[in-house]
Amino acid sequence: MDQEMNQDGPNLLWLGIAVGAAIGIGIALSRRKRSPWDQARKVATRITDRSGDLADATSNIIERVKTIYDEGCKVVEEAGELWSHGRKLVSR
């Protein structure tokens, strides 16, 4: 049994060193400073991943803006009519 422990000892040691090195490299890579270009690439990637959702949201917003614009035009036309009607009443 002692011989088996002696043979597994170096293997376990190297395994421990490998795991420790992998964890250390992982921590170092996760804490590195990112450049503005890295941030821009991340944002671009997120946008392309959600492009379908973005297209749906954009079309919804455009429909709402169109409705608001149409209603605004109606209000302006009615205000113009009221203005001209009021001027007619005042001039009599």
C-alpha atoms as a PDB file:
ATOM      1  CA  MET A   1       0.000   0.000   0.000  1.00  0.00           C
ATOM      2  CA  ASP A   2       2.909   2.331   0.722  1.00  0.00           C
ATOM      3  CA  GLN A   3       4.274   1.671  -2.746  1.00  0.00           C
ATOM      4  CA  GLU A   4       0.954   2.647  -4.323  1.00  0.00           C
ATOM      5  CA  MET A   5       0.900   5.930  -2.312  1.00  0.00           C
ATOM      6  CA  ASN A   6       4.465   6.703  -3.343  1.00  0.00           C
ATOM      7  CA  GLN A   7       3.622   6.221  -7.014  1.00  0.00           C
ATOM      8  CA  ASP A   8       0.442   8.339  -6.853  1.00  0.00           C
ATOM      9  CA  GLY A   9       2.122  11.134  -4.884  1.00  0.00           C
ATOM     10  CA  PRO A  10       4.017  12.773  -7.785  1.00  0.00           C
ATOM     11  CA  ASN A  11       0.994  12.424 -10.066  1.00  0.00           C
ATOM     12  CA  LEU A  12      -1.228  14.149  -7.524  1.00  0.00           C
ATOM     13  CA  LEU A  13       1.392  16.846  -7.044  1.00  0.00           C
ATOM     14  CA  TRP A  14       1.508  17.608 -10.783  1.00  0.00           C
ATOM     15  CA  LEU A  15      -2.284  17.521 -10.953  1.00  0.00           C
ATOM     16  CA  GLY A  16      -2.467  20.039  -8.100  1.00  0.00           C
ATOM     17  CA  ILE A  17       0.077  22.305  -9.801  1.00  0.00           C
ATOM     18  CA  ALA A  18      -1.873  22.148 -13.085  1.00  0.00           C
ATOM     19  CA  VAL A  19      -5.184  22.958 -11.400  1.00  0.00           C
ATOM     20  CA  GLY A  20      -3.615  25.825  -9.443  1.00  0.00           C
ATOM     21  CA  ALA A  21      -2.033  27.249 -12.588  1.00  0.00           C
ATOM     22  CA  ALA A  22      -5.323  27.026 -14.498  1.00  0.00           C
ATOM     23  CA  ILE A  23      -7.174  28.835 -11.711  1.00  0.00           C
ATOM     24  CA  GLY A  24      -4.472  31.515 -11.520  1.00  0.00           C
ATOM     25  CA  ILE A  25      -4.547  32.115 -15.281  1.00  0.00           C
ATOM     26  CA  GLY A  26      -8.337  32.260 -15.228  1.00  0.00           C
ATOM     27  CA  ILE A  27      -8.349  34.874 -12.463  1.00  0.00           C
ATOM     28  CA  ALA A  28      -5.643  36.930 -14.208  1.00  0.00           C
ATOM     29  CA  LEU A  29      -7.558  36.942 -17.496  1.00  0.00           C
ATOM     30  CA  SER A  30     -10.839  37.883 -15.844  1.00  0.00           C
ATOM     31  CA  ARG A  31      -9.312  40.875 -14.053  1.00  0.00           C
ATOM     32  CA  ARG A  32      -7.394  42.370 -16.948  1.00  0.00           C
ATOM     33  CA  LYS A  33      -8.351  45.857 -18.073  1.00  0.00           C
ATOM     34  CA  ARG A  34     -10.339  46.000 -21.234  1.00  0.00           C
ATOM     35  CA  SER A  35      -9.794  48.609 -23.899  1.00  0.00           C
ATOM     36  CA  PRO A  36     -12.645  50.728 -25.274  1.00  0.00           C
ATOM     37  CA  TRP A  37     -12.496  48.633 -28.439  1.00  0.00           C
ATOM     38  CA  ASP A  38     -13.161  45.476 -26.427  1.00  0.00           C
ATOM     39  CA  GLN A  39     -16.195  47.161 -24.874  1.00  0.00           C
ATOM     40  CA  ALA A  40     -17.432  48.244 -28.321  1.00  0.00           C
ATOM     41  CA  ARG A  41     -17.041  44.714 -29.656  1.00  0.00           C
ATOM     42  CA  LYS A  42     -19.026  43.364 -26.710  1.00  0.00           C
ATOM     43  CA  VAL A  43     -21.852  45.831 -27.297  1.00  0.00           C
ATOM     44  CA  ALA A  44     -21.912  45.068 -31.022  1.00  0.00           C
ATOM     45  CA  THR A  45     -22.047  41.353 -30.284  1.00  0.00           C
ATOM     46  CA  ARG A  46     -24.925  41.807 -27.848  1.00  0.00           C
ATOM     47  CA  ILE A  47     -26.843  43.908 -30.362  1.00  0.00           C
ATOM     48  CA  THR A  48     -26.395  41.379 -33.162  1.00  0.00           C
ATOM     49  CA  ASP A  49     -27.458  38.577 -30.833  1.00  0.00           C
ATOM     50  CA  ARG A  50     -30.685  40.431 -30.127  1.00  0.00           C
ATOM     51  CA  SER A  51     -31.235  41.970 -33.567  1.00  0.00           C
ATOM     52  CA  GLY A  52     -34.676  40.369 -33.916  1.00  0.00           C
ATOM     53  CA  ASP A  53     -35.828  41.874 -30.642  1.00  0.00           C
ATOM     54  CA  LEU A  54     -34.296  45.206 -31.604  1.00  0.00           C
ATOM     55  CA  ALA A  55     -36.092  45.188 -34.968  1.00  0.00           C
ATOM     56  CA  ASP A  56     -39.437  44.444 -33.296  1.00  0.00           C
ATOM     57  CA  ALA A  57     -38.942  47.163 -30.702  1.00  0.00           C
ATOM     58  CA  THR A  58     -37.872  49.671 -33.349  1.00  0.00           C
ATOM     59  CA  SER A  59     -40.887  48.986 -35.557  1.00  0.00           C
ATOM     60  CA  ASN A  60     -43.161  49.319 -32.524  1.00  0.00           C
ATOM     61  CA  ILE A  61     -41.600  52.671 -31.634  1.00  0.00           C
ATOM     62  CA  ILE A  62     -41.920  53.894 -35.232  1.00  0.00           C
ATOM     63  CA  GLU A  63     -45.606  52.926 -35.315  1.00  0.00           C
ATOM     64  CA  ARG A  64     -46.211  54.864 -32.094  1.00  0.00           C
ATOM     65  CA  VAL A  65     -44.350  57.922 -33.393  1.00  0.00           C
ATOM     66  CA  LYS A  66     -46.398  57.789 -36.620  1.00  0.00           C
ATOM     67  CA  THR A  67     -49.618  57.665 -34.613  1.00  0.00           C
ATOM     68  CA  ILE A  68     -48.498  60.605 -32.470  1.00  0.00           C
ATOM     69  CA  TYR A  69     -47.538  62.564 -35.600  1.00  0.00           C
ATOM     70  CA  ASP A  70     -50.904  61.872 -37.282  1.00  0.00           C
ATOM     71  CA  GLU A  71     -52.814  62.903 -34.163  1.00  0.00           C
ATOM     72  CA  GLY A  72     -50.656  66.027 -33.869  1.00  0.00           C
ATOM     73  CA  CYS A  73     -51.478  66.969 -37.459  1.00  0.00           C
ATOM     74  CA  LYS A  74     -55.190  66.592 -36.726  1.00  0.00           C
ATOM     75  CA  VAL A  75     -54.884  68.813 -33.650  1.00  0.00           C
ATOM     76  CA  VAL A  76     -53.066  71.490 -35.656  1.00  0.00           C
ATOM     77  CA  GLU A  77     -55.699  71.409 -38.411  1.00  0.00           C
ATOM     78  CA  GLU A  78     -58.514  71.705 -35.871  1.00  0.00           C
ATOM     79  CA  ALA A  79     -56.714  74.527 -34.084  1.00  0.00           C
ATOM     80  CA  GLY A  80     -56.368  76.354 -37.418  1.00  0.00           C
ATOM     81  CA  GLU A  81     -60.073  75.919 -38.110  1.00  0.00           C
ATOM     82  CA  LEU A  82     -60.972  77.179 -34.631  1.00  0.00           C
ATOM     83  CA  TRP A  83     -58.651  80.146 -35.097  1.00  0.00           C
ATOM     84  CA  SER A  84     -60.242  81.132 -38.395  1.00  0.00           C
ATOM     85  CA  HIS A  85     -63.727  80.621 -36.963  1.00  0.00           C
ATOM     86  CA  GLY A  86     -62.838  82.805 -33.950  1.00  0.00           C
ATOM     87  CA  ARG A  87     -61.499  85.558 -36.234  1.00  0.00           C
ATOM     88  CA  LYS A  88     -64.735  85.487 -38.202  1.00  0.00           C
ATOM     89  CA  LEU A  89     -66.742  85.905 -34.992  1.00  0.00           C
ATOM     90  CA  VAL A  90     -64.582  88.795 -33.813  1.00  0.00           C
ATOM     91  CA  SER A  91     -64.749  90.659 -37.158  1.00  0.00           C
ATOM     92  CA  ARG A  92     -68.574  90.680 -37.187  1.00  0.00           C
END
